[in-house]
Amino acid sequence: MTPAEIRDAVLAILNTINPDEDLSSLDDEKEFRDQLEMDSMDFLDIVMELRKRYRVQVPEEDYENLVSMNKTVAYLEPKMKEISA
């Protein structure tokens, strides 16, 4: 997957977790928690959806790499390189 496809995949997951959230103005540099109404369970839902949809394992010690869109895409890019969108 390309970085743009990964970003779209993460947006789809965020939309699934919180369908009422407006993601159109999401700043890719800022942390999700500063922009979205997310709690720790929502964050774990992101991790679970990545595992379910793309078979990507994110160990707990790597959670800090999923705090913003840019960090998430950069972290997932090598893991999702072989996945077709």
PDB file of N, CA and C in Angstrom:
ATOM      1  N   MET A   1       0.836  -1.186   0.000  1.00  0.00           N
ATOM      2  CA  MET A   1       0.000   0.000   0.000  1.00  0.00           C
ATOM      3  C   MET A   1       0.880   1.249   0.000  1.00  0.00           C
ATOM      4  N   THR A   2       0.406   2.252  -0.688  1.00  0.00           N
ATOM      5  CA  THR A   2       1.111   3.532  -0.706  1.00  0.00           C
ATOM      6  C   THR A   2       0.753   4.315   0.561  1.00  0.00           C
ATOM      7  N   PRO A   3       1.532   5.341   0.895  1.00  0.00           N
ATOM      8  CA  PRO A   3       1.171   6.176   2.046  1.00  0.00           C
ATOM      9  C   PRO A   3      -0.246   6.751   1.939  1.00  0.00           C
ATOM     10  N   ALA A   4      -0.656   7.153   0.750  1.00  0.00           N
ATOM     11  CA  ALA A   4      -2.011   7.694   0.575  1.00  0.00           C
ATOM     12  C   ALA A   4      -3.064   6.625   0.844  1.00  0.00           C
ATOM     13  N   GLU A   5      -2.817   5.398   0.400  1.00  0.00           N
ATOM     14  CA  GLU A   5      -3.758   4.305   0.641  1.00  0.00           C
ATOM     15  C   GLU A   5      -3.810   3.948   2.120  1.00  0.00           C
ATOM     16  N   ILE A   6      -2.667   4.003   2.785  1.00  0.00           N
ATOM     17  CA  ILE A   6      -2.630   3.737   4.228  1.00  0.00           C
ATOM     18  C   ILE A   6      -3.415   4.812   4.963  1.00  0.00           C
ATOM     19  N   ARG A   7      -3.221   6.070   4.568  1.00  0.00           N
ATOM     20  CA  ARG A   7      -3.961   7.170   5.198  1.00  0.00           C
ATOM     21  C   ARG A   7      -5.467   6.951   5.028  1.00  0.00           C
ATOM     22  N   ASP A   8      -5.885   6.588   3.819  1.00  0.00           N
ATOM     23  CA  ASP A   8      -7.305   6.321   3.571  1.00  0.00           C
ATOM     24  C   ASP A   8      -7.810   5.165   4.425  1.00  0.00           C
ATOM     25  N   ALA A   9      -6.981   4.138   4.590  1.00  0.00           N
ATOM     26  CA  ALA A   9      -7.363   2.987   5.410  1.00  0.00           C
ATOM     27  C   ALA A   9      -7.537   3.396   6.872  1.00  0.00           C
ATOM     28  N   VAL A  10      -6.629   4.226   7.367  1.00  0.00           N
ATOM     29  CA  VAL A  10      -6.730   4.703   8.750  1.00  0.00           C
ATOM     30  C   VAL A  10      -7.967   5.590   8.909  1.00  0.00           C
ATOM     31  N   LEU A  11      -8.231   6.441   7.925  1.00  0.00           N
ATOM     32  CA  LEU A  11      -9.444   7.263   7.972  1.00  0.00           C
ATOM     33  C   LEU A  11     -10.697   6.390   8.007  1.00  0.00           C
ATOM     34  N   ALA A  12     -10.705   5.319   7.233  1.00  0.00           N
ATOM     35  CA  ALA A  12     -11.854   4.406   7.231  1.00  0.00           C
ATOM     36  C   ALA A  12     -12.028   3.770   8.600  1.00  0.00           C
ATOM     37  N   ILE A  13     -10.932   3.393   9.224  1.00  0.00           N
ATOM     38  CA  ILE A  13     -11.009   2.812  10.568  1.00  0.00           C
ATOM     39  C   ILE A  13     -11.523   3.847  11.561  1.00  0.00           C
ATOM     40  N   LEU A  14     -10.985   5.061  11.498  1.00  0.00           N
ATOM     41  CA  LEU A  14     -11.457   6.122  12.395  1.00  0.00           C
ATOM     42  C   LEU A  14     -12.941   6.392  12.194  1.00  0.00           C
ATOM     43  N   ASN A  15     -13.393   6.359  10.957  1.00  0.00           N
ATOM     44  CA  ASN A  15     -14.806   6.582  10.660  1.00  0.00           C
ATOM     45  C   ASN A  15     -15.674   5.450  11.207  1.00  0.00           C
ATOM     46  N   THR A  16     -15.167   4.241  11.174  1.00  0.00           N
ATOM     47  CA  THR A  16     -15.895   3.099  11.721  1.00  0.00           C
ATOM     48  C   THR A  16     -16.028   3.214  13.240  1.00  0.00           C
ATOM     49  N   ILE A  17     -14.941   3.617  13.871  1.00  0.00           N
ATOM     50  CA  ILE A  17     -14.918   3.717  15.327  1.00  0.00           C
ATOM     51  C   ILE A  17     -15.787   4.861  15.829  1.00  0.00           C
ATOM     52  N   ASN A  18     -15.746   5.980  15.132  1.00  0.00           N
ATOM     53  CA  ASN A  18     -16.514   7.153  15.548  1.00  0.00           C
ATOM     54  C   ASN A  18     -17.142   7.807  14.321  1.00  0.00           C
ATOM     55  N   PRO A  19     -18.271   7.265  13.850  1.00  0.00           N
ATOM     56  CA  PRO A  19     -18.873   7.745  12.607  1.00  0.00           C
ATOM     57  C   PRO A  19     -19.379   9.189  12.660  1.00  0.00           C
ATOM     58  N   ASP A  20     -19.565   9.738  13.849  1.00  0.00           N
ATOM     59  CA  ASP A  20     -20.062  11.108  13.961  1.00  0.00           C
ATOM     60  C   ASP A  20     -18.948  12.149  13.892  1.00  0.00           C
ATOM     61  N   GLU A  21     -17.700  11.704  13.898  1.00  0.00           N
ATOM     62  CA  GLU A  21     -16.562  12.614  13.892  1.00  0.00           C
ATOM     63  C   GLU A  21     -16.325  13.162  12.484  1.00  0.00           C
ATOM     64  N   ASP A  22     -16.074  14.480  12.386  1.00  0.00           N
ATOM     65  CA  ASP A  22     -15.751  15.102  11.108  1.00  0.00           C
ATOM     66  C   ASP A  22     -14.244  14.966  10.880  1.00  0.00           C
ATOM     67  N   LEU A  23     -13.876  14.118   9.939  1.00  0.00           N
ATOM     68  CA  LEU A  23     -12.460  13.857   9.675  1.00  0.00           C
ATOM     69  C   LEU A  23     -11.904  14.707   8.540  1.00  0.00           C
ATOM     70  N   SER A  24     -12.733  15.537   7.937  1.00  0.00           N
ATOM     71  CA  SER A  24     -12.304  16.321   6.779  1.00  0.00           C
ATOM     72  C   SER A  24     -11.256  17.365   7.128  1.00  0.00           C
ATOM     73  N   SER A  25     -11.229  17.825   8.355  1.00  0.00           N
ATOM     74  CA  SER A  25     -10.262  18.851   8.742  1.00  0.00           C
ATOM     75  C   SER A  25      -9.143  18.284   9.620  1.00  0.00           C
ATOM     76  N   LEU A  26      -8.949  16.998   9.559  1.00  0.00           N
ATOM     77  CA  LEU A  26      -7.921  16.360  10.371  1.00  0.00           C
ATOM     78  C   LEU A  26      -6.535  16.871   9.973  1.00  0.00           C
ATOM     79  N   ASP A  27      -5.784  17.326  10.961  1.00  0.00           N
ATOM     80  CA  ASP A  27      -4.414  17.787  10.741  1.00  0.00           C
ATOM     81  C   ASP A  27      -3.494  16.580  10.961  1.00  0.00           C
ATOM     82  N   ASP A  28      -2.798  16.172   9.914  1.00  0.00           N
ATOM     83  CA  ASP A  28      -1.981  14.961   9.981  1.00  0.00           C
ATOM     84  C   ASP A  28      -0.808  15.077  10.942  1.00  0.00           C
ATOM     85  N   GLU A  29      -0.424  16.300  11.282  1.00  0.00           N
ATOM     86  CA  GLU A  29       0.702  16.522  12.198  1.00  0.00           C
ATOM     87  C   GLU A  29       0.282  16.421  13.665  1.00  0.00           C
ATOM     88  N   LYS A  30      -0.950  16.802  13.974  1.00  0.00           N
ATOM     89  CA  LYS A  30      -1.410  16.853  15.362  1.00  0.00           C
ATOM     90  C   LYS A  30      -1.840  15.476  15.841  1.00  0.00           C
ATOM     91  N   GLU A  31      -1.723  15.276  17.142  1.00  0.00           N
ATOM     92  CA  GLU A  31      -2.138  14.009  17.725  1.00  0.00           C
ATOM     93  C   GLU A  31      -3.648  13.840  17.609  1.00  0.00           C
ATOM     94  N   PHE A  32      -4.054  12.591  17.373  1.00  0.00           N
ATOM     95  CA  PHE A  32      -5.481  12.285  17.254  1.00  0.00           C
ATOM     96  C   PHE A  32      -6.252  12.758  18.480  1.00  0.00           C
ATOM     97  N   ARG A  33      -5.708  12.500  19.664  1.00  0.00           N
ATOM     98  CA  ARG A  33      -6.434  12.828  20.897  1.00  0.00           C
ATOM     99  C   ARG A  33      -6.670  14.322  21.066  1.00  0.00           C
ATOM    100  N   ASP A  34      -5.852  15.157  20.405  1.00  0.00           N
ATOM    101  CA  ASP A  34      -6.035  16.602  20.475  1.00  0.00           C
ATOM    102  C   ASP A  34      -7.084  17.098  19.481  1.00  0.00           C
ATOM    103  N   GLN A  35      -7.491  16.242  18.548  1.00  0.00           N
ATOM    104  CA  GLN A  35      -8.419  16.653  17.500  1.00  0.00           C
ATOM    105  C   GLN A  35      -9.742  15.896  17.535  1.00  0.00           C
ATOM    106  N   LEU A  36      -9.701  14.680  18.024  1.00  0.00           N
ATOM    107  CA  LEU A  36     -10.866  13.819  17.974  1.00  0.00           C
ATOM    108  C   LEU A  36     -11.294  13.424  19.379  1.00  0.00           C
ATOM    109  N   GLU A  37     -12.552  13.150  19.508  1.00  0.00           N
ATOM    110  CA  GLU A  37     -13.045  12.666  20.793  1.00  0.00           C
ATOM    111  C   GLU A  37     -12.787  11.171  20.871  1.00  0.00           C
ATOM    112  N   MET A  38     -11.588  10.838  21.332  1.00  0.00           N
ATOM    113  CA  MET A  38     -11.175   9.448  21.425  1.00  0.00           C
ATOM    114  C   MET A  38     -10.711   9.149  22.839  1.00  0.00           C
ATOM    115  N   ASP A  39     -11.082   7.975  23.318  1.00  0.00           N
ATOM    116  CA  ASP A  39     -10.558   7.534  24.601  1.00  0.00           C
ATOM    117  C   ASP A  39      -9.633   6.342  24.357  1.00  0.00           C
ATOM    118  N   SER A  40      -9.124   5.769  25.412  1.00  0.00           N
ATOM    119  CA  SER A  40      -8.169   4.670  25.267  1.00  0.00           C
ATOM    120  C   SER A  40      -8.796   3.449  24.596  1.00  0.00           C
ATOM    121  N   MET A  41     -10.067   3.231  24.800  1.00  0.00           N
ATOM    122  CA  MET A  41     -10.746   2.102  24.145  1.00  0.00           C
ATOM    123  C   MET A  41     -10.833   2.335  22.636  1.00  0.00           C
ATOM    124  N   ASP A  42     -11.083   3.567  22.219  1.00  0.00           N
ATOM    125  CA  ASP A  42     -11.107   3.886  20.788  1.00  0.00           C
ATOM    126  C   ASP A  42      -9.735   3.616  20.171  1.00  0.00           C
ATOM    127  N   PHE A  43      -8.686   3.985  20.903  1.00  0.00           N
ATOM    128  CA  PHE A  43      -7.342   3.745  20.408  1.00  0.00           C
ATOM    129  C   PHE A  43      -7.096   2.247  20.232  1.00  0.00           C
ATOM    130  N   LEU A  44      -7.512   1.469  21.204  1.00  0.00           N
ATOM    131  CA  LEU A  44      -7.354   0.011  21.095  1.00  0.00           C
ATOM    132  C   LEU A  44      -8.183  -0.544  19.943  1.00  0.00           C
ATOM    133  N   ASP A  45      -9.314   0.075  19.682  1.00  0.00           N
ATOM    134  CA  ASP A  45     -10.127  -0.338  18.531  1.00  0.00           C
ATOM    135  C   ASP A  45      -9.365  -0.136  17.218  1.00  0.00           C
ATOM    136  N   ILE A  46      -8.583   0.931  17.129  1.00  0.00           N
ATOM    137  CA  ILE A  46      -7.767   1.166  15.931  1.00  0.00           C
ATOM    138  C   ILE A  46      -6.787   0.010  15.760  1.00  0.00           C
ATOM    139  N   VAL A  47      -6.116  -0.332  16.843  1.00  0.00           N
ATOM    140  CA  VAL A  47      -5.141  -1.425  16.805  1.00  0.00           C
ATOM    141  C   VAL A  47      -5.829  -2.731  16.395  1.00  0.00           C
ATOM    142  N   MET A  48      -6.997  -2.998  16.960  1.00  0.00           N
ATOM    143  CA  MET A  48      -7.720  -4.233  16.644  1.00  0.00           C
ATOM    144  C   MET A  48      -8.197  -4.250  15.191  1.00  0.00           C
ATOM    145  N   GLU A  49      -8.653  -3.119  14.691  1.00  0.00           N
ATOM    146  CA  GLU A  49      -9.095  -3.045  13.300  1.00  0.00           C
ATOM    147  C   GLU A  49      -7.927  -3.243  12.335  1.00  0.00           C
ATOM    148  N   LEU A  50      -6.764  -2.718  12.672  1.00  0.00           N
ATOM    149  CA  LEU A  50      -5.586  -2.943  11.837  1.00  0.00           C
ATOM    150  C   LEU A  50      -5.265  -4.434  11.769  1.00  0.00           C
ATOM    151  N   ARG A  51      -5.393  -5.092  12.907  1.00  0.00           N
ATOM    152  CA  ARG A  51      -5.126  -6.532  12.945  1.00  0.00           C
ATOM    153  C   ARG A  51      -6.181  -7.291  12.146  1.00  0.00           C
ATOM    154  N   LYS A  52      -7.435  -6.919  12.341  1.00  0.00           N
ATOM    155  CA  LYS A  52      -8.534  -7.637  11.687  1.00  0.00           C
ATOM    156  C   LYS A  52      -8.540  -7.414  10.168  1.00  0.00           C
ATOM    157  N   ARG A  53      -8.405  -6.178   9.757  1.00  0.00           N
ATOM    158  CA  ARG A  53      -8.517  -5.856   8.322  1.00  0.00           C
ATOM    159  C   ARG A  53      -7.259  -6.166   7.521  1.00  0.00           C
ATOM    160  N   TYR A  54      -6.088  -5.955   8.146  1.00  0.00           N
ATOM    161  CA  TYR A  54      -4.842  -6.020   7.381  1.00  0.00           C
ATOM    162  C   TYR A  54      -3.814  -7.000   7.956  1.00  0.00           C
ATOM    163  N   ARG A  55      -4.196  -7.671   9.026  1.00  0.00           N
ATOM    164  CA  ARG A  55      -3.289  -8.623   9.700  1.00  0.00           C
ATOM    165  C   ARG A  55      -1.988  -7.967  10.143  1.00  0.00           C
ATOM    166  N   VAL A  56      -2.093  -6.727  10.561  1.00  0.00           N
ATOM    167  CA  VAL A  56      -0.937  -5.982  11.054  1.00  0.00           C
ATOM    168  C   VAL A  56      -0.950  -6.030  12.577  1.00  0.00           C
ATOM    169  N   GLN A  57       0.121  -6.560  13.130  1.00  0.00           N
ATOM    170  CA  GLN A  57       0.266  -6.616  14.581  1.00  0.00           C
ATOM    171  C   GLN A  57       0.995  -5.358  15.059  1.00  0.00           C
ATOM    172  N   VAL A  58       0.422  -4.702  16.058  1.00  0.00           N
ATOM    173  CA  VAL A  58       1.062  -3.532  16.646  1.00  0.00           C
ATOM    174  C   VAL A  58       1.295  -3.850  18.123  1.00  0.00           C
ATOM    175  N   PRO A  59       2.543  -4.141  18.498  1.00  0.00           N
ATOM    176  CA  PRO A  59       2.812  -4.428  19.902  1.00  0.00           C
ATOM    177  C   PRO A  59       2.606  -3.190  20.766  1.00  0.00           C
ATOM    178  N   GLU A  60       2.270  -3.415  22.010  1.00  0.00           N
ATOM    179  CA  GLU A  60       1.958  -2.313  22.914  1.00  0.00           C
ATOM    180  C   GLU A  60       3.082  -1.284  22.993  1.00  0.00           C
ATOM    181  N   GLU A  61       4.313  -1.736  22.923  1.00  0.00           N
ATOM    182  CA  GLU A  61       5.432  -0.790  23.011  1.00  0.00           C
ATOM    183  C   GLU A  61       5.527   0.119  21.782  1.00  0.00           C
ATOM    184  N   ASP A  62       4.795  -0.194  20.731  1.00  0.00           N
ATOM    185  CA  ASP A  62       4.788   0.642  19.519  1.00  0.00           C
ATOM    186  C   ASP A  62       3.583   1.573  19.432  1.00  0.00           C
ATOM    187  N   TYR A  63       2.717   1.554  20.419  1.00  0.00           N
ATOM    188  CA  TYR A  63       1.512   2.390  20.375  1.00  0.00           C
ATOM    189  C   TYR A  63       1.839   3.865  20.195  1.00  0.00           C
ATOM    190  N   GLU A  64       2.968   4.313  20.717  1.00  0.00           N
ATOM    191  CA  GLU A  64       3.350   5.724  20.583  1.00  0.00           C
ATOM    192  C   GLU A  64       3.537   6.131  19.123  1.00  0.00           C
ATOM    193  N   ASN A  65       3.705   5.152  18.241  1.00  0.00           N
ATOM    194  CA  ASN A  65       3.854   5.432  16.814  1.00  0.00           C
ATOM    195  C   ASN A  65       2.515   5.659  16.115  1.00  0.00           C
ATOM    196  N   LEU A  66       1.423   5.542  16.851  1.00  0.00           N
ATOM    197  CA  LEU A  66       0.092   5.698  16.262  1.00  0.00           C
ATOM    198  C   LEU A  66      -0.642   6.917  16.806  1.00  0.00           C
ATOM    199  N   VAL A  67       0.083   7.916  17.253  1.00  0.00           N
ATOM    200  CA  VAL A  67      -0.568   9.056  17.907  1.00  0.00           C
ATOM    201  C   VAL A  67      -1.083  10.122  16.942  1.00  0.00           C
ATOM    202  N   SER A  68      -0.507  10.180  15.732  1.00  0.00           N
ATOM    203  CA  SER A  68      -0.978  11.146  14.731  1.00  0.00           C
ATOM    204  C   SER A  68      -1.051  10.431  13.387  1.00  0.00           C
ATOM    205  N   MET A  69      -1.675  11.056  12.434  1.00  0.00           N
ATOM    206  CA  MET A  69      -1.804  10.425  11.118  1.00  0.00           C
ATOM    207  C   MET A  69      -0.428  10.232  10.478  1.00  0.00           C
ATOM    208  N   ASN A  70       0.412  11.266  10.508  1.00  0.00           N
ATOM    209  CA  ASN A  70       1.725  11.138   9.881  1.00  0.00           C
ATOM    210  C   ASN A  70       2.558  10.034  10.525  1.00  0.00           C
ATOM    211  N   LYS A  71       2.544   9.974  11.854  1.00  0.00           N
ATOM    212  CA  LYS A  71       3.307   8.932  12.544  1.00  0.00           C
ATOM    213  C   LYS A  71       2.724   7.552  12.244  1.00  0.00           C
ATOM    214  N   THR A  72       1.411   7.470  12.187  1.00  0.00           N
ATOM    215  CA  THR A  72       0.761   6.193  11.918  1.00  0.00           C
ATOM    216  C   THR A  72       1.103   5.695  10.524  1.00  0.00           C
ATOM    217  N   VAL A  73       1.013   6.567   9.534  1.00  0.00           N
ATOM    218  CA  VAL A  73       1.329   6.180   8.156  1.00  0.00           C
ATOM    219  C   VAL A  73       2.792   5.759   8.055  1.00  0.00           C
ATOM    220  N   ALA A  74       3.700   6.518   8.657  1.00  0.00           N
ATOM    221  CA  ALA A  74       5.125   6.185   8.602  1.00  0.00           C
ATOM    222  C   ALA A  74       5.397   4.844   9.266  1.00  0.00           C
ATOM    223  N   TYR A  75       4.737   4.584  10.377  1.00  0.00           N
ATOM    224  CA  TYR A  75       4.920   3.311  11.081  1.00  0.00           C
ATOM    225  C   TYR A  75       4.354   2.137  10.281  1.00  0.00           C
ATOM    226  N   LEU A  76       3.186   2.335   9.693  1.00  0.00           N
ATOM    227  CA  LEU A  76       2.520   1.243   8.987  1.00  0.00           C
ATOM    228  C   LEU A  76       3.080   0.976   7.591  1.00  0.00           C
ATOM    229  N   GLU A  77       3.703   1.963   6.984  1.00  0.00           N
ATOM    230  CA  GLU A  77       4.151   1.811   5.591  1.00  0.00           C
ATOM    231  C   GLU A  77       4.991   0.550   5.356  1.00  0.00           C
ATOM    232  N   PRO A  78       6.042   0.291   6.141  1.00  0.00           N
ATOM    233  CA  PRO A  78       6.797  -0.945   5.873  1.00  0.00           C
ATOM    234  C   PRO A  78       5.992  -2.208   6.183  1.00  0.00           C
ATOM    235  N   LYS A  79       5.093  -2.131   7.151  1.00  0.00           N
ATOM    236  CA  LYS A  79       4.292  -3.288   7.528  1.00  0.00           C
ATOM    237  C   LYS A  79       3.213  -3.617   6.484  1.00  0.00           C
ATOM    238  N   MET A  80       2.768  -2.600   5.760  1.00  0.00           N
ATOM    239  CA  MET A  80       1.665  -2.780   4.825  1.00  0.00           C
ATOM    240  C   MET A  80       2.125  -2.679   3.365  1.00  0.00           C
ATOM    241  N   LYS A  81       3.403  -2.695   3.153  1.00  0.00           N
ATOM    242  CA  LYS A  81       3.970  -2.516   1.816  1.00  0.00           C
ATOM    243  C   LYS A  81       3.428  -3.555   0.810  1.00  0.00           C
ATOM    244  N   GLU A  82       3.280  -4.784   1.274  1.00  0.00           N
ATOM    245  CA  GLU A  82       2.877  -5.865   0.385  1.00  0.00           C
ATOM    246  C   GLU A  82       1.356  -6.021   0.240  1.00  0.00           C
ATOM    247  N   ILE A  83       0.608  -5.245   1.010  1.00  0.00           N
ATOM    248  CA  ILE A  83      -0.862  -5.350   0.979  1.00  0.00           C
ATOM    249  C   ILE A  83      -1.409  -4.492  -0.159  1.00  0.00           C
ATOM    250  N   SER A  84      -2.274  -5.064  -0.968  1.00  0.00           N
ATOM    251  CA  SER A  84      -2.922  -4.270  -2.018  1.00  0.00           C
ATOM    252  C   SER A  84      -4.200  -3.669  -1.457  1.00  0.00           C
ATOM    253  N   ALA A  85      -4.461  -2.459  -1.841  1.00  0.00           N
ATOM    254  CA  ALA A  85      -5.604  -1.713  -1.281  1.00  0.00           C
ATOM    255  C   ALA A  85      -6.924  -2.298  -1.649  1.00  0.00           C
TER     256      ALA A  85
END
